[in-house]
Amino acid sequence: MIYRTDEKMQIENLHGGSGVVTIEKCSTDGHHAFKAVVKVTVPPGATIGFHKHEEDYEGYYIMEGTGRFHENSGSSEVSAGDFCLIDEGGSHGIDNTGSGKMTIFAVVMK
């Protein structure tokens, strides 16, 4: 089955973060496990604010750039090739601490 990108948007201060983040979202309506896959572009100095996942899981695969990933248990430096998993009920956020854009492939699961 093929799902296509159905939303492209720029969001200012995403989840209480700072700066403008670009979202390219592919909804997977009707799938038994996935809710969406999303390409997220975070410019230098921008952040996605700390927020909670009440009813889903999310995985971040860092495709490009460097940053600081925040989760319930603390914060860690991340870079291209790292995978961050947010469990249901967990909270997270991320800061682009690098000099270039950070590109994240995010998967939201039920």
N, C-alpha and C. Protein backbone atom coordinates (compact mmCIF):
# COMPACT_ATOMS: atom_id res chain seq x y z
N MET A 1 0.84 -1.18 0.00
CA MET A 1 0.00 0.00 0.00
C MET A 1 0.89 1.25 0.00
N ILE A 2 0.50 2.24 -0.75
CA ILE A 2 1.23 3.49 -0.84
C ILE A 2 0.43 4.59 -0.13
N TYR A 3 1.09 5.31 0.74
CA TYR A 3 0.52 6.51 1.36
C TYR A 3 1.33 7.69 0.86
N ARG A 4 0.68 8.78 0.59
CA ARG A 4 1.36 9.95 0.05
C ARG A 4 1.33 11.11 1.05
N THR A 5 2.35 11.95 0.96
CA THR A 5 2.39 13.14 1.81
C THR A 5 1.14 13.96 1.55
N ASP A 6 0.39 14.24 2.62
CA ASP A 6 -0.87 14.96 2.46
C ASP A 6 -0.90 16.31 3.16
N GLU A 7 0.15 16.64 3.90
CA GLU A 7 0.22 17.95 4.56
C GLU A 7 1.65 18.45 4.55
N LYS A 8 1.82 19.70 4.17
CA LYS A 8 3.11 20.38 4.27
C LYS A 8 2.83 21.70 4.96
N MET A 9 3.55 21.96 6.05
CA MET A 9 3.29 23.18 6.80
C MET A 9 4.52 23.64 7.53
N GLN A 10 4.52 24.90 7.88
CA GLN A 10 5.55 25.46 8.74
C GLN A 10 4.86 25.88 10.03
N ILE A 11 5.41 25.42 11.15
CA ILE A 11 4.79 25.67 12.44
C ILE A 11 5.76 26.45 13.32
N GLU A 12 5.29 27.58 13.82
CA GLU A 12 6.10 28.40 14.71
C GLU A 12 5.90 27.92 16.15
N ASN A 13 7.00 27.80 16.88
CA ASN A 13 6.98 27.43 18.30
C ASN A 13 6.26 26.09 18.54
N LEU A 14 6.62 25.07 17.77
CA LEU A 14 5.98 23.75 17.85
C LEU A 14 6.07 23.19 19.26
N HIS A 15 4.94 22.83 19.84
CA HIS A 15 4.85 22.29 21.19
C HIS A 15 5.54 23.19 22.22
N GLY A 16 5.48 24.50 22.00
CA GLY A 16 6.09 25.43 22.93
C GLY A 16 7.58 25.64 22.72
N GLY A 17 8.11 25.11 21.61
CA GLY A 17 9.51 25.30 21.28
C GLY A 17 9.74 26.69 20.71
N SER A 18 10.87 26.85 20.00
CA SER A 18 11.18 28.15 19.41
C SER A 18 11.54 28.00 17.94
N GLY A 19 11.28 29.03 17.18
CA GLY A 19 11.60 29.02 15.76
C GLY A 19 10.49 28.39 14.93
N VAL A 20 10.76 28.27 13.63
CA VAL A 20 9.79 27.72 12.68
C VAL A 20 10.29 26.36 12.19
N VAL A 21 9.48 25.34 12.40
CA VAL A 21 9.80 23.97 12.01
C VAL A 21 8.94 23.60 10.80
N THR A 22 9.54 22.94 9.81
CA THR A 22 8.80 22.50 8.63
C THR A 22 8.40 21.04 8.80
N ILE A 23 7.12 20.77 8.54
CA ILE A 23 6.54 19.44 8.68
C ILE A 23 6.02 18.99 7.33
N GLU A 24 6.39 17.78 6.91
CA GLU A 24 5.82 17.14 5.72
C GLU A 24 5.24 15.82 6.21
N LYS A 25 3.91 15.77 6.32
CA LYS A 25 3.24 14.66 6.98
C LYS A 25 2.52 13.76 5.99
N CYS A 26 2.68 12.47 6.22
CA CYS A 26 1.98 11.44 5.45
C CYS A 26 1.11 10.67 6.43
N SER A 27 -0.18 10.95 6.44
CA SER A 27 -1.11 10.24 7.34
C SER A 27 -1.31 8.82 6.83
N THR A 28 -1.42 7.89 7.76
CA THR A 28 -1.62 6.48 7.40
C THR A 28 -2.96 6.01 7.95
N ASP A 29 -3.99 6.78 7.67
CA ASP A 29 -5.34 6.48 8.15
C ASP A 29 -5.74 5.05 7.82
N GLY A 30 -6.30 4.37 8.80
CA GLY A 30 -6.77 3.02 8.60
C GLY A 30 -5.73 1.94 8.83
N HIS A 31 -4.47 2.30 8.98
CA HIS A 31 -3.45 1.29 9.22
C HIS A 31 -3.53 0.83 10.68
N HIS A 32 -3.28 -0.44 10.92
CA HIS A 32 -3.44 -1.00 12.26
C HIS A 32 -2.33 -0.61 13.23
N ALA A 33 -1.17 -0.17 12.74
CA ALA A 33 -0.06 0.13 13.64
C ALA A 33 0.45 1.57 13.54
N PHE A 34 0.42 2.13 12.33
CA PHE A 34 0.99 3.46 12.12
C PHE A 34 -0.08 4.53 12.07
N LYS A 35 0.24 5.70 12.66
CA LYS A 35 -0.64 6.87 12.54
C LYS A 35 -0.15 7.82 11.47
N ALA A 36 1.17 8.00 11.39
CA ALA A 36 1.75 8.92 10.40
C ALA A 36 3.25 8.73 10.31
N VAL A 37 3.80 9.12 9.18
CA VAL A 37 5.23 9.28 9.03
C VAL A 37 5.45 10.74 8.63
N VAL A 38 6.51 11.33 9.17
CA VAL A 38 6.68 12.77 9.04
C VAL A 38 8.15 13.11 8.80
N LYS A 39 8.40 13.97 7.83
CA LYS A 39 9.73 14.54 7.66
C LYS A 39 9.69 15.89 8.38
N VAL A 40 10.59 16.06 9.33
CA VAL A 40 10.64 17.27 10.15
C VAL A 40 11.98 17.96 9.89
N THR A 41 11.93 19.24 9.56
CA THR A 41 13.14 20.02 9.35
C THR A 41 13.19 21.12 10.40
N VAL A 42 14.26 21.07 11.20
CA VAL A 42 14.44 22.03 12.30
C VAL A 42 15.66 22.89 11.96
N PRO A 43 15.46 24.20 11.75
CA PRO A 43 16.60 25.06 11.40
C PRO A 43 17.54 25.27 12.60
N PRO A 44 18.75 25.74 12.34
CA PRO A 44 19.69 25.99 13.44
C PRO A 44 19.07 26.90 14.51
N GLY A 45 19.24 26.50 15.76
CA GLY A 45 18.75 27.28 16.89
C GLY A 45 17.29 27.05 17.23
N ALA A 46 16.54 26.36 16.37
CA ALA A 46 15.12 26.10 16.63
C ALA A 46 14.96 24.86 17.50
N THR A 47 13.80 24.74 18.12
CA THR A 47 13.52 23.61 19.01
C THR A 47 12.09 23.11 18.82
N ILE A 48 11.87 21.87 19.19
CA ILE A 48 10.53 21.32 19.36
C ILE A 48 10.36 21.15 20.86
N GLY A 49 9.35 21.81 21.41
CA GLY A 49 9.16 21.84 22.86
C GLY A 49 8.85 20.47 23.47
N PHE A 50 9.13 20.34 24.74
CA PHE A 50 8.91 19.12 25.51
C PHE A 50 7.39 18.87 25.59
N HIS A 51 6.97 17.71 25.14
CA HIS A 51 5.54 17.39 25.13
C HIS A 51 5.34 15.89 25.36
N LYS A 52 4.12 15.53 25.76
CA LYS A 52 3.80 14.16 26.16
C LYS A 52 3.02 13.44 25.07
N HIS A 53 3.31 12.14 24.93
CA HIS A 53 2.56 11.27 24.02
C HIS A 53 1.61 10.41 24.86
N GLU A 54 0.37 10.85 24.95
CA GLU A 54 -0.63 10.17 25.79
C GLU A 54 -1.06 8.82 25.22
N GLU A 55 -1.28 8.78 23.89
CA GLU A 55 -1.91 7.59 23.31
C GLU A 55 -1.15 7.01 22.12
N ASP A 56 0.12 7.32 22.00
CA ASP A 56 0.88 6.77 20.88
C ASP A 56 2.37 6.73 21.21
N TYR A 57 3.12 6.13 20.32
CA TYR A 57 4.57 6.05 20.38
C TYR A 57 5.13 6.90 19.25
N GLU A 58 6.36 7.35 19.38
CA GLU A 58 6.98 8.06 18.28
C GLU A 58 8.46 7.70 18.21
N GLY A 59 8.94 7.50 17.00
CA GLY A 59 10.35 7.26 16.78
C GLY A 59 10.92 8.38 15.93
N TYR A 60 12.09 8.88 16.34
CA TYR A 60 12.82 9.91 15.59
C TYR A 60 14.09 9.28 15.05
N TYR A 61 14.26 9.24 13.74
CA TYR A 61 15.53 8.85 13.15
C TYR A 61 16.18 10.14 12.65
N ILE A 62 17.33 10.48 13.22
CA ILE A 62 18.02 11.71 12.84
C ILE A 62 18.74 11.46 11.52
N MET A 63 18.29 12.12 10.47
CA MET A 63 18.86 11.93 9.14
C MET A 63 20.02 12.88 8.86
N GLU A 64 19.96 14.07 9.47
CA GLU A 64 20.96 15.10 9.18
C GLU A 64 21.00 16.05 10.36
N GLY A 65 22.20 16.50 10.71
CA GLY A 65 22.35 17.52 11.73
C GLY A 65 22.71 16.96 13.10
N THR A 66 22.79 17.87 14.06
CA THR A 66 23.09 17.52 15.45
C THR A 66 22.16 18.28 16.37
N GLY A 67 21.95 17.71 17.56
CA GLY A 67 21.05 18.35 18.50
C GLY A 67 21.11 17.74 19.87
N ARG A 68 20.18 18.17 20.68
CA ARG A 68 20.05 17.66 22.05
C ARG A 68 18.62 17.15 22.20
N PHE A 69 18.49 15.85 22.49
CA PHE A 69 17.20 15.20 22.66
C PHE A 69 16.87 15.15 24.15
N HIS A 70 15.68 15.59 24.50
CA HIS A 70 15.22 15.61 25.89
C HIS A 70 14.11 14.57 26.06
N GLU A 71 14.19 13.79 27.13
CA GLU A 71 13.15 12.81 27.44
C GLU A 71 12.99 12.75 28.95
N ASN A 72 12.05 11.95 29.41
CA ASN A 72 11.76 11.87 30.85
C ASN A 72 13.00 11.57 31.68
N SER A 73 13.90 10.75 31.15
CA SER A 73 15.07 10.31 31.94
C SER A 73 16.28 11.24 31.81
N GLY A 74 16.18 12.32 31.02
CA GLY A 74 17.30 13.25 30.89
C GLY A 74 17.48 13.71 29.46
N SER A 75 18.67 14.20 29.15
CA SER A 75 18.97 14.74 27.83
C SER A 75 20.24 14.10 27.29
N SER A 76 20.30 13.97 25.96
CA SER A 76 21.46 13.37 25.30
C SER A 76 21.75 14.10 23.99
N GLU A 77 23.03 14.16 23.63
CA GLU A 77 23.41 14.68 22.32
C GLU A 77 23.03 13.64 21.27
N VAL A 78 22.52 14.10 20.13
CA VAL A 78 22.15 13.21 19.03
C VAL A 78 22.71 13.76 17.73
N SER A 79 22.91 12.86 16.77
CA SER A 79 23.40 13.26 15.45
C SER A 79 22.90 12.27 14.41
N ALA A 80 23.19 12.56 13.15
CA ALA A 80 22.74 11.72 12.05
C ALA A 80 23.05 10.25 12.32
N GLY A 81 22.04 9.41 12.11
CA GLY A 81 22.17 7.98 12.35
C GLY A 81 21.62 7.50 13.68
N ASP A 82 21.29 8.44 14.58
CA ASP A 82 20.72 8.06 15.88
C ASP A 82 19.21 7.88 15.77
N PHE A 83 18.67 6.96 16.59
CA PHE A 83 17.23 6.71 16.65
C PHE A 83 16.76 6.94 18.07
N CYS A 84 15.75 7.78 18.24
CA CYS A 84 15.19 8.12 19.55
C CYS A 84 13.78 7.55 19.61
N LEU A 85 13.45 6.77 20.62
CA LEU A 85 12.13 6.16 20.74
C LEU A 85 11.40 6.74 21.95
N ILE A 86 10.20 7.21 21.72
CA ILE A 86 9.37 7.78 22.78
C ILE A 86 8.22 6.82 23.02
N ASP A 87 8.18 6.22 24.21
CA ASP A 87 7.13 5.27 24.54
C ASP A 87 5.81 5.98 24.82
N GLU A 88 4.73 5.24 24.70
CA GLU A 88 3.41 5.76 25.06
C GLU A 88 3.46 6.26 26.51
N GLY A 89 2.97 7.46 26.74
CA GLY A 89 3.00 8.06 28.06
C GLY A 89 4.28 8.84 28.34
N GLY A 90 5.26 8.75 27.44
CA GLY A 90 6.53 9.44 27.62
C GLY A 90 6.49 10.85 27.04
N SER A 91 7.44 11.66 27.47
CA SER A 91 7.55 13.03 26.98
C SER A 91 8.92 13.23 26.34
N HIS A 92 8.98 14.19 25.40
CA HIS A 92 10.24 14.45 24.73
C HIS A 92 10.21 15.82 24.05
N GLY A 93 11.40 16.28 23.66
CA GLY A 93 11.59 17.49 22.87
C GLY A 93 12.98 17.41 22.27
N ILE A 94 13.30 18.33 21.36
CA ILE A 94 14.61 18.30 20.74
C ILE A 94 15.03 19.72 20.37
N ASP A 95 16.32 19.99 20.50
CA ASP A 95 16.91 21.29 20.13
C ASP A 95 17.92 21.06 19.02
N ASN A 96 17.89 21.89 18.00
CA ASN A 96 18.94 21.84 16.98
C ASN A 96 20.08 22.70 17.51
N THR A 97 21.17 22.06 17.89
CA THR A 97 22.32 22.77 18.44
C THR A 97 23.43 22.96 17.41
N GLY A 98 23.21 22.46 16.20
CA GLY A 98 24.23 22.54 15.16
C GLY A 98 24.15 23.82 14.35
N SER A 99 25.07 23.94 13.41
CA SER A 99 25.12 25.13 12.56
C SER A 99 24.31 24.96 11.28
N GLY A 100 23.85 23.75 11.01
CA GLY A 100 23.02 23.49 9.83
C GLY A 100 21.67 22.96 10.24
N LYS A 101 20.81 22.73 9.26
CA LYS A 101 19.48 22.21 9.56
C LYS A 101 19.56 20.79 10.12
N MET A 102 18.56 20.43 10.90
CA MET A 102 18.41 19.06 11.39
C MET A 102 17.19 18.47 10.68
N THR A 103 17.38 17.30 10.06
CA THR A 103 16.28 16.62 9.39
C THR A 103 15.99 15.34 10.15
N ILE A 104 14.72 15.17 10.49
CA ILE A 104 14.27 14.01 11.28
C ILE A 104 13.19 13.27 10.50
N PHE A 105 13.30 11.95 10.45
CA PHE A 105 12.24 11.11 9.93
C PHE A 105 11.51 10.57 11.15
N ALA A 106 10.27 11.00 11.34
CA ALA A 106 9.51 10.61 12.53
C ALA A 106 8.40 9.64 12.13
N VAL A 107 8.22 8.62 12.96
CA VAL A 107 7.15 7.65 12.77
C VAL A 107 6.28 7.66 14.02
N VAL A 108 4.99 7.90 13.85
CA VAL A 108 4.06 7.90 14.97
C VAL A 108 3.24 6.61 14.87
N MET A 109 3.27 5.83 15.98
CA MET A 109 2.62 4.52 16.00
C MET A 109 1.55 4.47 17.08
N LYS A 110 0.55 3.67 16.84
CA LYS A 110 -0.57 3.51 17.79
C LYS A 110 -0.14 2.71 18.99
